[in-house]
Amino acid sequence: MAFGPFLLLALMEGLVMAAVLALTAVGLSLVFGVMRVVNVAHGEFFMLGAVAAWFVTAFTPGPPVVGFVAALVLCPLLVGGVAALADRLVLKRLNYDPEATIVATIGLLYILQQAALSLYGPDARPVPAPFEWRIQLPWFGYSGYKLFVVAAACVILLAVWLFMTRSRAGLVMRATQIDRDTARAFGINVDRVYAGVFALGAGLAAIAAVLIVPIQQAHYLMGHDPLLLSFIVVIIGGLGSVRGTLVAALLIGLSDGVISVFYTPTLAKILATLFVALVLVFRPQGLFGAKQ
């Protein structure tokens, strides 16, 4: 196969990664943007969504598409509920102090990881794709499900944007982000807003996991890479900037796809980390972040 088809394949694989990474990183960016909380356990919410997807699909009777749809609906609700509970029991009691919440979410990371190990086990387990359709290009065949992942991520991200910009709940979230004390003075239940935002961020990570797990496999340690890449994307795009997060996810996803196909995945991670270092040195607020 010539260079052109190889490049096209690499870009398509990178686009799939970018779509899933955008969903995961937007959840992390929302939590920081509204709550000013660096959620180190974000990758474990991703993992929890994947593990929950295996349980739902394994015990849902009928064809794979039924189990997949059930997982796509139930897993984000389950993971979002766990996140809201963690917010009420842990983060709220710390008054969302930046340093204390970092330590607390590190502890939450290990709690969720060990809980998954105890209930799910150490094995990586496959989740069947809802359909096996393939698109035949002149040079190679490509998974129709991967194209569905890209389309589904775009629809979900559009829904999140509309929710944040056009709904009353989104307006309340943005008001809380700007000034928590003033929002509370106007009667906004800030604690409820924070619990909802933390649940929304975790739910988006869970949706990303449900979409990707038929391509990969569910494993109790699979949260490490999504966490690292999400932080890379959020730092490059700008902390709290959803637009910057989307642009950075596209940049990192496509570059990772191309570099992984032509060189090695390790080189892609090294270059992404180097890019983060350059951004922190020359533009600490990120590409689209506002100066503090």
Protein backbone atom coordinates (compact mmCIF):
# COMPACT_ATOMS: atom_id res chain seq x y z
CA MET A 1 0.00 0.00 0.00
CA ALA A 2 1.35 3.45 -0.98
CA PHE A 3 2.06 6.31 1.41
CA GLY A 4 -1.24 8.11 0.72
CA PRO A 5 -3.51 5.27 1.88
CA PHE A 6 -1.30 4.71 4.93
CA LEU A 7 -1.65 8.39 5.81
CA LEU A 8 -5.42 8.23 5.32
CA LEU A 9 -5.64 5.19 7.61
CA ALA A 10 -3.50 6.95 10.24
CA LEU A 11 -5.69 10.07 10.10
CA MET A 12 -8.87 8.01 10.44
CA GLU A 13 -7.47 6.18 13.46
CA GLY A 14 -6.35 9.49 14.92
CA LEU A 15 -9.82 10.94 14.40
CA VAL A 16 -11.36 8.10 16.41
CA MET A 17 -8.91 8.74 19.22
CA ALA A 18 -9.53 12.49 19.05
CA ALA A 19 -13.29 11.97 19.34
CA VAL A 20 -13.01 9.80 22.46
CA LEU A 21 -10.31 12.03 23.93
CA ALA A 22 -12.45 15.13 23.39
CA LEU A 23 -15.33 13.61 25.34
CA THR A 24 -13.05 12.61 28.20
CA ALA A 25 -11.11 15.87 28.30
CA VAL A 26 -14.22 18.08 28.08
CA GLY A 27 -15.50 16.42 31.25
CA LEU A 28 -12.20 17.16 33.00
CA SER A 29 -12.20 20.74 31.69
CA LEU A 30 -15.77 21.39 32.87
CA VAL A 31 -14.95 20.20 36.39
CA PHE A 32 -11.94 22.48 36.60
CA GLY A 33 -13.64 25.40 34.86
CA VAL A 34 -16.66 25.48 37.16
CA MET A 35 -15.35 23.98 40.41
CA ARG A 36 -11.61 24.78 40.19
CA VAL A 37 -10.98 21.14 41.13
CA VAL A 38 -8.19 19.12 39.48
CA ASN A 39 -9.83 15.70 39.35
CA VAL A 40 -7.01 13.15 39.43
CA ALA A 41 -9.62 10.34 39.58
CA HIS A 42 -11.06 11.29 36.18
CA GLY A 43 -9.36 8.35 34.45
CA GLU A 44 -10.91 5.95 36.95
CA PHE A 45 -14.38 7.23 36.08
CA PHE A 46 -13.48 6.35 32.48
CA MET A 47 -12.41 2.88 33.62
CA LEU A 48 -15.56 2.50 35.69
CA GLY A 49 -17.67 3.27 32.62
CA ALA A 50 -15.86 0.58 30.61
CA VAL A 51 -16.17 -2.05 33.36
CA ALA A 52 -19.84 -1.19 33.87
CA ALA A 53 -20.36 -1.52 30.11
CA TRP A 54 -18.99 -5.07 30.25
CA PHE A 55 -21.38 -5.99 33.07
CA VAL A 56 -24.39 -4.45 31.31
CA THR A 57 -23.67 -6.05 27.93
CA ALA A 58 -22.80 -9.41 29.50
CA PHE A 59 -26.07 -9.66 31.41
CA THR A 60 -28.44 -8.03 28.91
CA PRO A 61 -30.25 -10.63 26.80
CA GLY A 62 -30.69 -10.23 23.09
CA PRO A 63 -28.40 -9.07 20.25
CA PRO A 64 -25.27 -7.01 21.01
CA VAL A 65 -26.93 -3.75 19.95
CA VAL A 66 -29.47 -4.06 22.80
CA GLY A 67 -26.75 -4.45 25.42
CA PHE A 68 -24.73 -1.62 23.88
CA VAL A 69 -27.65 0.82 23.93
CA ALA A 70 -28.42 -0.19 27.51
CA ALA A 71 -24.77 0.41 28.47
CA LEU A 72 -24.74 3.77 26.69
CA VAL A 73 -27.73 4.87 28.77
CA LEU A 74 -27.07 3.21 32.14
CA CYS A 75 -23.29 3.47 32.55
CA PRO A 76 -23.03 7.30 32.45
CA LEU A 77 -25.90 7.50 34.96
CA LEU A 78 -24.18 4.99 37.25
CA VAL A 79 -20.77 6.66 37.03
CA GLY A 80 -22.31 10.12 37.37
CA GLY A 81 -24.11 8.93 40.52
CA VAL A 82 -20.84 7.64 41.99
CA ALA A 83 -19.19 10.99 41.19
CA ALA A 84 -22.03 13.00 42.77
CA LEU A 85 -21.78 10.83 45.88
CA ALA A 86 -18.00 11.35 46.02
CA ASP A 87 -18.54 15.09 45.71
CA ARG A 88 -21.00 15.16 48.61
CA LEU A 89 -19.00 12.85 50.89
CA VAL A 90 -15.48 14.08 50.14
CA LEU A 91 -15.02 17.26 48.10
CA LYS A 92 -17.78 19.26 49.77
CA ARG A 93 -16.38 18.48 53.22
CA LEU A 94 -13.02 19.88 52.05
CA ASN A 95 -14.76 23.07 50.86
CA TYR A 96 -13.24 22.41 47.42
CA ASP A 97 -9.80 23.52 48.58
CA PRO A 98 -7.48 23.06 45.53
CA GLU A 99 -4.63 21.30 47.35
CA ALA A 100 -6.88 19.14 49.52
CA THR A 101 -9.04 18.03 46.59
CA ILE A 102 -6.00 16.87 44.62
CA VAL A 103 -5.00 14.59 47.49
CA ALA A 104 -8.62 13.46 47.95
CA THR A 105 -9.09 12.56 44.27
CA ILE A 106 -5.81 10.62 44.34
CA GLY A 107 -7.30 8.60 47.18
CA LEU A 108 -10.54 8.23 45.22
CA LEU A 109 -8.51 6.95 42.26
CA TYR A 110 -7.13 4.06 44.30
CA ILE A 111 -10.47 3.31 45.93
CA LEU A 112 -12.22 2.99 42.55
CA GLN A 113 -9.34 1.02 41.08
CA GLN A 114 -9.26 -1.50 43.90
CA ALA A 115 -13.06 -1.77 43.93
CA ALA A 116 -12.98 -2.61 40.22
CA LEU A 117 -10.22 -5.18 40.82
CA SER A 118 -12.26 -6.83 43.58
CA LEU A 119 -15.57 -6.94 41.71
CA TYR A 120 -14.37 -7.33 38.12
CA GLY A 121 -11.03 -9.08 38.40
CA PRO A 122 -7.63 -8.51 36.80
CA ASP A 123 -8.49 -9.80 33.32
CA ALA A 124 -9.13 -7.63 30.27
CA ARG A 125 -12.51 -8.57 28.79
CA PRO A 126 -13.97 -7.70 25.38
CA VAL A 127 -17.29 -5.98 24.82
CA PRO A 128 -18.99 -6.88 21.52
CA ALA A 129 -19.57 -4.07 19.04
CA PRO A 130 -23.24 -3.35 18.33
CA PHE A 131 -22.70 -4.04 14.62
CA GLU A 132 -19.95 -5.40 12.36
CA TRP A 133 -20.50 -3.27 9.25
CA ARG A 134 -17.36 -2.25 7.34
CA ILE A 135 -16.88 0.46 4.74
CA GLN A 136 -14.85 -0.64 1.74
CA LEU A 137 -12.45 1.99 0.42
CA PRO A 138 -10.36 1.47 -2.75
CA TRP A 139 -7.27 0.71 -0.64
CA PHE A 140 -8.59 -1.00 2.50
CA GLY A 141 -11.68 -1.84 4.50
CA TYR A 142 -12.48 0.22 7.57
CA SER A 143 -14.68 -0.41 10.58
CA GLY A 144 -18.07 1.24 10.33
CA TYR A 145 -18.29 1.18 14.12
CA LYS A 146 -15.24 3.45 14.42
CA LEU A 147 -16.94 5.97 12.15
CA PHE A 148 -20.01 5.68 14.36
CA VAL A 149 -17.84 6.52 17.39
CA VAL A 150 -16.69 9.75 15.70
CA ALA A 151 -20.26 10.70 14.73
CA ALA A 152 -21.66 9.87 18.18
CA ALA A 153 -18.93 11.90 19.91
CA CYS A 154 -19.67 14.91 17.68
CA VAL A 155 -23.39 14.71 18.49
CA ILE A 156 -22.74 14.40 22.24
CA LEU A 157 -20.26 17.30 22.24
CA LEU A 158 -22.77 19.44 20.34
CA ALA A 159 -25.41 18.54 22.93
CA VAL A 160 -23.02 19.55 25.73
CA TRP A 161 -22.33 22.89 24.02
CA LEU A 162 -26.05 23.58 23.59
CA PHE A 163 -26.66 22.61 27.21
CA MET A 164 -23.95 24.96 28.48
CA THR A 165 -24.89 27.91 26.27
CA ARG A 166 -28.67 27.68 25.77
CA SER A 167 -30.15 26.04 28.88
CA ARG A 168 -30.96 27.59 32.25
CA ALA A 169 -28.84 24.93 34.00
CA GLY A 170 -25.88 25.85 31.82
CA LEU A 171 -26.37 29.52 32.65
CA VAL A 172 -26.38 28.66 36.36
CA MET A 173 -23.17 26.68 35.94
CA ARG A 174 -21.46 29.57 34.16
CA ALA A 175 -22.64 32.03 36.80
CA THR A 176 -21.22 29.78 39.52
CA GLN A 177 -17.97 29.53 37.59
CA ILE A 178 -17.59 33.32 37.43
CA ASP A 179 -18.32 34.06 41.10
CA ARG A 180 -19.39 31.38 43.57
CA ASP A 181 -20.22 33.79 46.40
CA THR A 182 -22.33 36.09 44.23
CA ALA A 183 -24.17 33.12 42.77
CA ARG A 184 -24.96 31.89 46.28
CA ALA A 185 -26.15 35.38 47.24
CA PHE A 186 -28.64 35.25 44.35
CA GLY A 187 -30.11 32.01 45.66
CA ILE A 188 -28.21 29.50 43.53
CA ASN A 189 -27.57 26.22 45.35
CA VAL A 190 -23.84 26.07 44.66
CA ASP A 191 -23.41 22.68 46.35
CA ARG A 192 -26.01 21.16 44.02
CA VAL A 193 -24.38 22.81 41.00
CA TYR A 194 -20.98 21.41 41.97
CA ALA A 195 -22.38 17.91 42.46
CA GLY A 196 -24.06 18.14 39.05
CA VAL A 197 -20.91 19.37 37.31
CA PHE A 198 -18.78 16.64 38.89
CA ALA A 199 -21.37 14.05 37.83
CA LEU A 200 -21.52 15.50 34.30
CA GLY A 201 -17.74 15.37 33.92
CA ALA A 202 -17.61 11.76 35.11
CA GLY A 203 -20.60 10.85 32.91
CA LEU A 204 -18.85 12.20 29.81
CA ALA A 205 -15.79 10.08 30.63
CA ALA A 206 -18.08 7.06 31.03
CA ILE A 207 -19.74 7.71 27.65
CA ALA A 208 -16.30 7.88 26.04
CA ALA A 209 -15.40 4.55 27.67
CA VAL A 210 -18.61 2.85 26.49
CA LEU A 211 -17.91 4.02 22.94
CA ILE A 212 -14.27 2.87 22.91
CA VAL A 213 -14.53 -0.40 24.82
CA PRO A 214 -15.74 -2.47 21.80
CA ILE A 215 -12.50 -1.39 20.09
CA GLN A 216 -10.30 -1.97 23.12
CA GLN A 217 -11.08 -4.15 26.16
CA ALA A 218 -12.35 -3.36 29.63
CA HIS A 219 -9.60 -3.54 32.25
CA TYR A 220 -9.28 -2.18 35.77
CA LEU A 221 -6.04 -0.34 34.92
CA MET A 222 -7.25 1.26 31.69
CA GLY A 223 -7.79 4.70 33.25
CA HIS A 224 -4.12 5.75 33.22
CA ASP A 225 -3.74 6.75 29.55
CA PRO A 226 -7.07 8.64 29.34
CA LEU A 227 -6.13 10.59 32.48
CA LEU A 228 -2.67 11.50 31.15
CA LEU A 229 -3.92 12.46 27.70
CA SER A 230 -6.86 14.42 29.13
CA PHE A 231 -4.50 16.48 31.26
CA ILE A 232 -2.26 17.05 28.24
CA VAL A 233 -5.25 18.21 26.18
CA VAL A 234 -6.64 20.46 28.91
CA ILE A 235 -3.25 22.08 29.59
CA ILE A 236 -2.61 22.71 25.90
CA GLY A 237 -6.11 24.00 25.22
CA GLY A 238 -6.30 26.08 28.38
CA LEU A 239 -7.67 25.16 31.79
CA GLY A 240 -11.44 25.62 31.79
CA SER A 241 -11.66 26.40 28.05
CA VAL A 242 -13.99 23.94 26.32
CA ARG A 243 -13.14 25.34 22.88
CA GLY A 244 -9.44 24.96 23.57
CA THR A 245 -10.01 21.43 24.84
CA LEU A 246 -11.72 20.42 21.58
CA VAL A 247 -8.98 21.93 19.42
CA ALA A 248 -6.23 20.33 21.50
CA ALA A 249 -8.00 16.94 21.45
CA LEU A 250 -8.14 17.06 17.66
CA LEU A 251 -4.48 18.06 17.49
CA ILE A 252 -3.27 15.38 19.92
CA GLY A 253 -5.55 12.67 18.51
CA LEU A 254 -4.54 13.17 14.88
CA SER A 255 -0.83 13.50 15.68
CA ASP A 256 -0.96 10.39 17.87
CA GLY A 257 -2.67 8.43 15.09
CA VAL A 258 -0.13 9.45 12.46
CA ILE A 259 2.95 9.02 14.67
CA SER A 260 1.73 5.67 16.05
CA VAL A 261 1.22 4.26 12.54
CA PHE A 262 4.50 5.47 11.05
CA TYR A 263 6.69 5.29 14.16
CA THR A 264 5.70 4.12 17.66
CA PRO A 265 2.95 5.06 20.16
CA THR A 266 5.68 5.81 22.73
CA LEU A 267 7.12 8.54 20.49
CA ALA A 268 3.64 10.08 20.19
CA LYS A 269 3.35 10.31 23.99
CA ILE A 270 6.86 11.78 24.28
CA LEU A 271 6.12 14.48 21.70
CA ALA A 272 2.78 15.31 23.35
CA THR A 273 4.52 15.72 26.71
CA LEU A 274 7.18 17.90 25.09
CA PHE A 275 4.44 20.07 23.57
CA VAL A 276 2.89 20.48 27.03
CA ALA A 277 6.27 21.62 28.39
CA LEU A 278 6.60 24.20 25.61
CA VAL A 279 3.08 25.49 26.23
CA LEU A 280 3.74 25.81 29.97
CA VAL A 281 6.94 27.76 29.29
CA PHE A 282 5.75 30.11 26.54
CA ARG A 283 1.97 30.31 27.15
CA PRO A 284 1.13 29.04 30.65
CA GLN A 285 -2.60 29.76 30.28
CA GLY A 286 -2.83 27.41 27.26
CA LEU A 287 -3.65 28.16 23.65
CA PHE A 288 -7.18 29.42 24.40
CA GLY A 289 -7.04 30.04 28.15
CA ALA A 290 -7.50 33.50 29.62
CA LYS A 291 -4.65 35.16 31.49
CA GLN A 292 -5.15 35.11 35.24
